[in-house]
Amino acid sequence: MSAEGTKRVRQYFETELRPPMTVVFDDGKMERCLPYAQFKEAYWPHRDRNTLNVEIGNWLVVLRGQNLAPLFEAVSNHTLRRAEVLAQLMPGGSGGMEEADSFVTEILFTVPPLKLTAAHFAQSGDKGQLPLSLG
């Protein structure tokens, strides 16, 4: 077996063997510690394999980076402890990254989009209409 075939993928995020109670996301400006008890879902669009979305608590955490499969697995298994943007991993940085390495280049905190379900319509009392406040 060649030395190239035995290269280990470096993962620039922290995991734990046992699921931690919280996960920390650090965008380089602020750290947010969010409880796994409020984890809703993680999704990784096939059309954009460099973006991973995690809904947890009242946040949609958008993680952008390279080779996000190991990160998606850690989020899915609730073993991710910490993900952060590291300046040396940014495009043009001098971190000596390999193409197979897994790392985050950007983290955005936003509010998840409203998802309308049949329950929303049932609670409104109207047939298929949601009440809107105009003032």
N, C-alpha and C. Protein backbone atom coordinates (compact mmCIF):
# COMPACT_ATOMS: atom_id res chain seq x y z
N MET A 1 0.84 -1.18 0.00
CA MET A 1 0.00 0.00 0.00
C MET A 1 0.89 1.24 0.00
N SER A 2 0.55 2.22 -0.81
CA SER A 2 1.37 3.43 -0.91
C SER A 2 1.18 4.32 0.30
N ALA A 3 2.16 5.18 0.54
CA ALA A 3 2.07 6.13 1.66
C ALA A 3 0.92 7.09 1.45
N GLU A 4 0.60 7.39 0.20
CA GLU A 4 -0.49 8.30 -0.09
C GLU A 4 -1.84 7.69 0.31
N GLY A 5 -1.99 6.38 0.14
CA GLY A 5 -3.24 5.71 0.48
C GLY A 5 -3.47 5.60 1.98
N THR A 6 -2.42 5.77 2.78
CA THR A 6 -2.56 5.65 4.23
C THR A 6 -2.65 7.01 4.93
N LYS A 7 -2.64 8.10 4.15
CA LYS A 7 -2.75 9.43 4.75
C LYS A 7 -4.06 9.56 5.50
N ARG A 8 -3.97 10.11 6.68
CA ARG A 8 -5.16 10.29 7.50
C ARG A 8 -5.76 11.67 7.24
N VAL A 9 -7.07 11.72 7.14
CA VAL A 9 -7.76 12.99 6.96
C VAL A 9 -7.70 13.75 8.28
N ARG A 10 -7.21 14.98 8.22
CA ARG A 10 -7.18 15.81 9.43
C ARG A 10 -8.52 16.51 9.58
N GLN A 11 -9.02 16.48 10.80
CA GLN A 11 -10.30 17.12 11.10
C GLN A 11 -10.03 18.29 12.05
N TYR A 12 -10.40 19.49 11.60
CA TYR A 12 -10.15 20.69 12.38
C TYR A 12 -11.42 21.10 13.14
N PHE A 13 -11.93 20.15 13.91
CA PHE A 13 -13.02 20.38 14.84
C PHE A 13 -12.90 19.34 15.93
N GLU A 14 -13.55 19.59 17.07
CA GLU A 14 -13.41 18.70 18.22
C GLU A 14 -14.65 17.82 18.38
N THR A 15 -14.40 16.55 18.69
CA THR A 15 -15.49 15.61 18.98
C THR A 15 -15.20 14.93 20.32
N GLU A 16 -16.22 14.26 20.82
CA GLU A 16 -16.08 13.45 22.03
C GLU A 16 -16.66 12.07 21.75
N LEU A 17 -16.16 11.06 22.45
CA LEU A 17 -16.68 9.71 22.27
C LEU A 17 -18.12 9.60 22.74
N ARG A 18 -18.40 10.22 23.88
CA ARG A 18 -19.77 10.25 24.41
C ARG A 18 -20.41 11.57 24.03
N PRO A 19 -21.69 11.57 23.69
CA PRO A 19 -22.33 12.83 23.29
C PRO A 19 -22.25 13.90 24.39
N PRO A 20 -21.69 15.07 24.06
CA PRO A 20 -21.64 16.16 25.03
C PRO A 20 -23.03 16.78 25.19
N MET A 21 -23.23 17.52 26.26
CA MET A 21 -24.52 18.17 26.48
C MET A 21 -24.66 19.43 25.62
N THR A 22 -23.51 20.03 25.25
CA THR A 22 -23.54 21.26 24.46
C THR A 22 -22.56 21.16 23.30
N VAL A 23 -22.74 22.07 22.35
CA VAL A 23 -21.81 22.21 21.24
C VAL A 23 -21.47 23.69 21.12
N VAL A 24 -20.20 23.96 20.83
CA VAL A 24 -19.74 25.34 20.70
C VAL A 24 -19.44 25.62 19.24
N PHE A 25 -19.98 26.74 18.75
CA PHE A 25 -19.69 27.23 17.42
C PHE A 25 -19.00 28.58 17.57
N ASP A 26 -17.83 28.74 16.97
CA ASP A 26 -17.04 29.96 17.09
C ASP A 26 -16.79 30.50 15.69
N ASP A 27 -17.39 31.66 15.38
CA ASP A 27 -17.23 32.25 14.05
C ASP A 27 -16.04 33.19 13.94
N GLY A 28 -15.23 33.25 15.00
CA GLY A 28 -14.08 34.15 15.01
C GLY A 28 -14.38 35.49 15.66
N LYS A 29 -15.66 35.79 15.84
CA LYS A 29 -16.08 37.02 16.49
C LYS A 29 -16.77 36.73 17.82
N MET A 30 -17.46 35.59 17.88
CA MET A 30 -18.25 35.22 19.05
C MET A 30 -18.36 33.71 19.13
N GLU A 31 -18.35 33.19 20.35
CA GLU A 31 -18.60 31.77 20.57
C GLU A 31 -20.03 31.61 21.06
N ARG A 32 -20.73 30.64 20.52
CA ARG A 32 -22.08 30.31 21.01
C ARG A 32 -22.06 28.87 21.48
N CYS A 33 -22.50 28.67 22.70
CA CYS A 33 -22.60 27.34 23.29
C CYS A 33 -24.08 26.98 23.29
N LEU A 34 -24.45 25.97 22.51
CA LEU A 34 -25.85 25.61 22.32
C LEU A 34 -26.12 24.20 22.84
N PRO A 35 -27.28 23.98 23.47
CA PRO A 35 -27.58 22.66 24.04
C PRO A 35 -28.06 21.66 22.99
N TYR A 36 -27.46 20.47 23.02
CA TYR A 36 -27.91 19.41 22.11
C TYR A 36 -29.35 19.01 22.37
N ALA A 37 -29.85 19.25 23.57
CA ALA A 37 -31.24 18.92 23.87
C ALA A 37 -32.20 19.68 22.96
N GLN A 38 -31.75 20.80 22.39
CA GLN A 38 -32.59 21.60 21.50
C GLN A 38 -32.25 21.39 20.02
N PHE A 39 -31.49 20.33 19.74
CA PHE A 39 -31.13 20.00 18.35
C PHE A 39 -32.40 19.63 17.59
N LYS A 40 -32.59 20.23 16.42
CA LYS A 40 -33.75 19.94 15.59
C LYS A 40 -33.37 19.09 14.38
N GLU A 41 -32.43 19.59 13.58
CA GLU A 41 -31.99 18.81 12.43
C GLU A 41 -30.72 19.40 11.85
N ALA A 42 -30.05 18.58 11.06
CA ALA A 42 -28.90 19.03 10.28
C ALA A 42 -29.17 18.61 8.85
N TYR A 43 -28.86 19.47 7.92
CA TYR A 43 -29.05 19.11 6.52
C TYR A 43 -27.89 19.64 5.69
N TRP A 44 -27.54 18.83 4.69
CA TRP A 44 -26.36 19.05 3.87
C TRP A 44 -26.80 18.93 2.41
N PRO A 45 -27.11 20.06 1.77
CA PRO A 45 -27.66 20.01 0.41
C PRO A 45 -26.71 19.37 -0.60
N HIS A 46 -27.25 18.50 -1.44
CA HIS A 46 -26.44 17.86 -2.48
C HIS A 46 -25.94 18.89 -3.49
N ARG A 47 -26.69 19.98 -3.69
CA ARG A 47 -26.29 20.98 -4.66
C ARG A 47 -25.16 21.88 -4.15
N ASP A 48 -24.90 21.86 -2.83
CA ASP A 48 -23.84 22.69 -2.24
C ASP A 48 -23.15 21.89 -1.15
N ARG A 49 -22.18 21.06 -1.53
CA ARG A 49 -21.51 20.17 -0.58
C ARG A 49 -20.52 20.91 0.32
N ASN A 50 -20.37 22.21 0.12
CA ASN A 50 -19.48 23.00 0.97
C ASN A 50 -20.24 23.75 2.06
N THR A 51 -21.54 23.46 2.20
CA THR A 51 -22.37 24.13 3.21
C THR A 51 -23.15 23.09 4.00
N LEU A 52 -23.05 23.19 5.31
CA LEU A 52 -23.78 22.32 6.23
C LEU A 52 -24.66 23.21 7.11
N ASN A 53 -25.94 22.87 7.23
CA ASN A 53 -26.88 23.65 8.03
C ASN A 53 -27.29 22.85 9.26
N VAL A 54 -27.25 23.52 10.42
CA VAL A 54 -27.62 22.87 11.68
C VAL A 54 -28.65 23.74 12.38
N GLU A 55 -29.85 23.18 12.61
CA GLU A 55 -30.87 23.89 13.39
C GLU A 55 -30.80 23.38 14.82
N ILE A 56 -30.52 24.32 15.72
CA ILE A 56 -30.39 23.98 17.13
C ILE A 56 -30.87 25.18 17.95
N GLY A 57 -31.78 24.93 18.86
CA GLY A 57 -32.37 26.02 19.62
C GLY A 57 -33.10 26.96 18.66
N ASN A 58 -32.91 28.26 18.85
CA ASN A 58 -33.53 29.25 17.97
C ASN A 58 -32.62 29.66 16.83
N TRP A 59 -31.60 28.89 16.56
CA TRP A 59 -30.60 29.26 15.57
C TRP A 59 -30.53 28.28 14.40
N LEU A 60 -30.25 28.83 13.25
CA LEU A 60 -29.78 28.06 12.10
C LEU A 60 -28.31 28.42 11.98
N VAL A 61 -27.45 27.44 12.22
CA VAL A 61 -26.01 27.65 12.13
C VAL A 61 -25.56 27.13 10.77
N VAL A 62 -25.03 28.01 9.95
CA VAL A 62 -24.58 27.66 8.61
C VAL A 62 -23.05 27.55 8.65
N LEU A 63 -22.57 26.36 8.34
CA LEU A 63 -21.13 26.10 8.36
C LEU A 63 -20.67 25.90 6.91
N ARG A 64 -19.67 26.66 6.51
CA ARG A 64 -19.11 26.50 5.17
C ARG A 64 -17.67 26.06 5.31
N GLY A 65 -17.26 25.17 4.41
CA GLY A 65 -15.89 24.68 4.51
C GLY A 65 -15.58 23.65 3.45
N GLN A 66 -14.62 22.80 3.76
CA GLN A 66 -14.13 21.79 2.83
C GLN A 66 -14.29 20.40 3.43
N ASN A 67 -14.68 19.45 2.62
CA ASN A 67 -14.84 18.05 3.02
C ASN A 67 -15.66 17.95 4.31
N LEU A 68 -16.92 18.33 4.25
CA LEU A 68 -17.75 18.41 5.44
C LEU A 68 -18.40 17.09 5.86
N ALA A 69 -18.12 16.00 5.16
CA ALA A 69 -18.70 14.71 5.52
C ALA A 69 -18.38 14.30 6.96
N PRO A 70 -17.13 14.39 7.42
CA PRO A 70 -16.85 14.03 8.82
C PRO A 70 -17.56 14.95 9.82
N LEU A 71 -17.70 16.22 9.48
CA LEU A 71 -18.41 17.16 10.35
C LEU A 71 -19.90 16.83 10.41
N PHE A 72 -20.49 16.51 9.26
CA PHE A 72 -21.90 16.11 9.22
C PHE A 72 -22.14 14.86 10.07
N GLU A 73 -21.22 13.91 9.98
CA GLU A 73 -21.33 12.69 10.79
C GLU A 73 -21.27 13.01 12.29
N ALA A 74 -20.35 13.91 12.67
CA ALA A 74 -20.23 14.28 14.09
C ALA A 74 -21.48 14.99 14.59
N VAL A 75 -22.07 15.86 13.77
CA VAL A 75 -23.31 16.54 14.15
C VAL A 75 -24.45 15.52 14.25
N SER A 76 -24.55 14.65 13.26
CA SER A 76 -25.63 13.65 13.23
C SER A 76 -25.57 12.71 14.43
N ASN A 77 -24.36 12.35 14.86
CA ASN A 77 -24.18 11.45 15.99
C ASN A 77 -24.13 12.16 17.34
N HIS A 78 -24.29 13.48 17.30
CA HIS A 78 -24.22 14.31 18.52
C HIS A 78 -22.90 14.15 19.26
N THR A 79 -21.81 14.03 18.51
CA THR A 79 -20.49 13.92 19.13
C THR A 79 -19.64 15.16 18.89
N LEU A 80 -20.14 16.12 18.10
CA LEU A 80 -19.40 17.35 17.87
C LEU A 80 -19.36 18.16 19.16
N ARG A 81 -18.18 18.55 19.56
CA ARG A 81 -18.00 19.36 20.77
C ARG A 81 -17.75 20.82 20.43
N ARG A 82 -16.97 21.06 19.36
CA ARG A 82 -16.60 22.43 19.02
C ARG A 82 -16.24 22.52 17.54
N ALA A 83 -16.76 23.55 16.87
CA ALA A 83 -16.37 23.86 15.50
C ALA A 83 -16.04 25.35 15.47
N GLU A 84 -14.90 25.66 14.86
CA GLU A 84 -14.51 27.06 14.81
C GLU A 84 -13.84 27.39 13.48
N VAL A 85 -13.91 28.66 13.14
CA VAL A 85 -13.21 29.17 11.97
C VAL A 85 -11.80 29.51 12.43
N LEU A 86 -10.83 28.97 11.72
CA LEU A 86 -9.44 29.26 12.04
C LEU A 86 -8.85 30.12 10.93
N ALA A 87 -8.23 31.24 11.30
CA ALA A 87 -7.72 32.19 10.31
C ALA A 87 -6.76 31.53 9.31
N GLN A 88 -5.92 30.61 9.78
CA GLN A 88 -4.95 29.99 8.88
C GLN A 88 -5.60 29.04 7.88
N LEU A 89 -6.88 28.70 8.07
CA LEU A 89 -7.56 27.81 7.13
C LEU A 89 -8.35 28.58 6.09
N MET A 90 -8.43 29.88 6.25
CA MET A 90 -9.17 30.69 5.29
C MET A 90 -8.48 30.62 3.93
N PRO A 91 -9.24 30.79 2.84
CA PRO A 91 -8.61 30.79 1.52
C PRO A 91 -7.46 31.80 1.49
N GLY A 92 -6.32 31.36 0.98
CA GLY A 92 -5.15 32.22 0.93
C GLY A 92 -4.30 32.15 2.19
N GLY A 93 -4.77 31.41 3.20
CA GLY A 93 -4.01 31.26 4.43
C GLY A 93 -2.83 30.33 4.21
N SER A 94 -1.98 30.23 5.19
CA SER A 94 -0.79 29.39 5.05
C SER A 94 -0.84 28.22 6.02
N GLY A 95 -1.91 27.45 5.96
CA GLY A 95 -2.07 26.35 6.91
C GLY A 95 -1.61 25.01 6.39
N GLY A 96 -1.19 24.91 5.14
CA GLY A 96 -0.73 23.64 4.58
C GLY A 96 -1.84 22.60 4.50
N MET A 97 -3.03 23.02 4.15
CA MET A 97 -4.18 22.11 4.10
C MET A 97 -4.07 21.17 2.91
N GLU A 98 -4.54 19.96 3.13
CA GLU A 98 -4.64 18.97 2.07
C GLU A 98 -6.09 18.96 1.57
N GLU A 99 -6.29 18.50 0.36
CA GLU A 99 -7.63 18.49 -0.22
C GLU A 99 -8.60 17.61 0.58
N ALA A 100 -8.10 16.56 1.22
CA ALA A 100 -8.97 15.64 1.97
C ALA A 100 -9.28 16.14 3.38
N ASP A 101 -8.58 17.16 3.87
CA ASP A 101 -8.81 17.65 5.23
C ASP A 101 -10.21 18.23 5.38
N SER A 102 -10.75 18.12 6.58
CA SER A 102 -12.10 18.61 6.88
C SER A 102 -11.99 19.82 7.80
N PHE A 103 -12.48 20.97 7.32
CA PHE A 103 -12.40 22.17 8.13
C PHE A 103 -13.48 23.18 7.75
N VAL A 104 -13.73 24.13 8.66
CA VAL A 104 -14.74 25.16 8.50
C VAL A 104 -14.05 26.47 8.17
N THR A 105 -14.53 27.15 7.13
CA THR A 105 -13.97 28.45 6.74
C THR A 105 -14.89 29.61 7.11
N GLU A 106 -16.16 29.30 7.39
CA GLU A 106 -17.11 30.37 7.74
C GLU A 106 -18.26 29.77 8.54
N ILE A 107 -18.70 30.51 9.56
CA ILE A 107 -19.87 30.14 10.34
C ILE A 107 -20.79 31.35 10.39
N LEU A 108 -22.05 31.15 10.06
CA LEU A 108 -23.06 32.20 10.12
C LEU A 108 -24.16 31.77 11.09
N PHE A 109 -24.61 32.70 11.92
CA PHE A 109 -25.73 32.45 12.83
C PHE A 109 -26.91 33.22 12.29
N THR A 110 -28.01 32.53 12.05
CA THR A 110 -29.20 33.18 11.54
C THR A 110 -30.43 32.50 12.13
N VAL A 111 -31.59 33.02 11.81
CA VAL A 111 -32.85 32.45 12.30
C VAL A 111 -33.35 31.47 11.24
N PRO A 112 -33.79 30.27 11.66
CA PRO A 112 -34.28 29.31 10.65
C PRO A 112 -35.55 29.81 9.97
N PRO A 113 -35.76 29.41 8.73
CA PRO A 113 -36.99 29.81 8.03
C PRO A 113 -38.21 29.19 8.68
N LEU A 114 -39.33 29.89 8.60
CA LEU A 114 -40.59 29.39 9.15
C LEU A 114 -41.05 28.20 8.31
N LYS A 115 -41.39 27.11 8.99
CA LYS A 115 -41.88 25.92 8.30
C LYS A 115 -43.36 25.75 8.63
N LEU A 116 -44.19 25.89 7.64
CA LEU A 116 -45.62 25.75 7.84
C LEU A 116 -46.03 24.28 7.68
N THR A 117 -46.78 23.81 8.65
CA THR A 117 -47.26 22.44 8.61
C THR A 117 -48.77 22.43 8.74
N ALA A 118 -49.37 21.28 8.61
CA ALA A 118 -50.82 21.15 8.77
C ALA A 118 -51.25 21.62 10.16
N ALA A 119 -50.41 21.43 11.16
CA ALA A 119 -50.74 21.86 12.52
C ALA A 119 -50.92 23.37 12.60
N HIS A 120 -50.14 24.13 11.85
CA HIS A 120 -50.29 25.59 11.84
C HIS A 120 -51.68 25.97 11.34
N PHE A 121 -52.12 25.30 10.28
CA PHE A 121 -53.42 25.62 9.72
C PHE A 121 -54.55 25.17 10.65
N ALA A 122 -54.38 24.03 11.30
CA ALA A 122 -55.40 23.53 12.23
C ALA A 122 -55.56 24.47 13.42
N GLN A 123 -54.47 25.04 13.91
CA GLN A 123 -54.52 25.95 15.05
C GLN A 123 -55.12 27.30 14.68
N SER A 124 -55.06 27.68 13.43
CA SER A 124 -55.54 29.01 13.04
C SER A 124 -57.06 29.10 13.08
N GLY A 125 -57.75 27.98 12.99
CA GLY A 125 -59.21 28.00 13.01
C GLY A 125 -59.80 28.31 11.64
N ASP A 126 -59.02 28.82 10.75
CA ASP A 126 -59.48 29.12 9.40
C ASP A 126 -59.11 27.95 8.50
N LYS A 127 -59.85 27.80 7.44
CA LYS A 127 -59.59 26.70 6.52
C LYS A 127 -58.50 27.11 5.53
N GLY A 128 -57.25 26.74 5.89
CA GLY A 128 -56.15 26.99 4.98
C GLY A 128 -55.58 28.39 5.02
N GLN A 129 -55.97 29.21 6.00
CA GLN A 129 -55.44 30.56 6.06
C GLN A 129 -54.80 30.79 7.43
N LEU A 130 -53.70 31.48 7.41
CA LEU A 130 -53.05 31.87 8.65
C LEU A 130 -53.42 33.29 8.99
N PRO A 131 -53.64 33.60 10.28
CA PRO A 131 -53.93 34.99 10.64
C PRO A 131 -52.65 35.82 10.51
N LEU A 132 -52.78 37.00 9.91
CA LEU A 132 -51.67 37.91 9.76
C LEU A 132 -51.96 39.19 10.49
N SER A 133 -50.97 39.68 11.20
CA SER A 133 -51.11 40.96 11.89
C SER A 133 -50.62 42.05 10.95
N LEU A 134 -51.47 43.01 10.64
CA LEU A 134 -51.11 44.08 9.72
C LEU A 134 -50.71 45.36 10.43
N GLY A 135 -50.68 45.32 11.71
CA GLY A 135 -50.33 46.58 12.35
C GLY A 135 -49.73 46.36 13.62
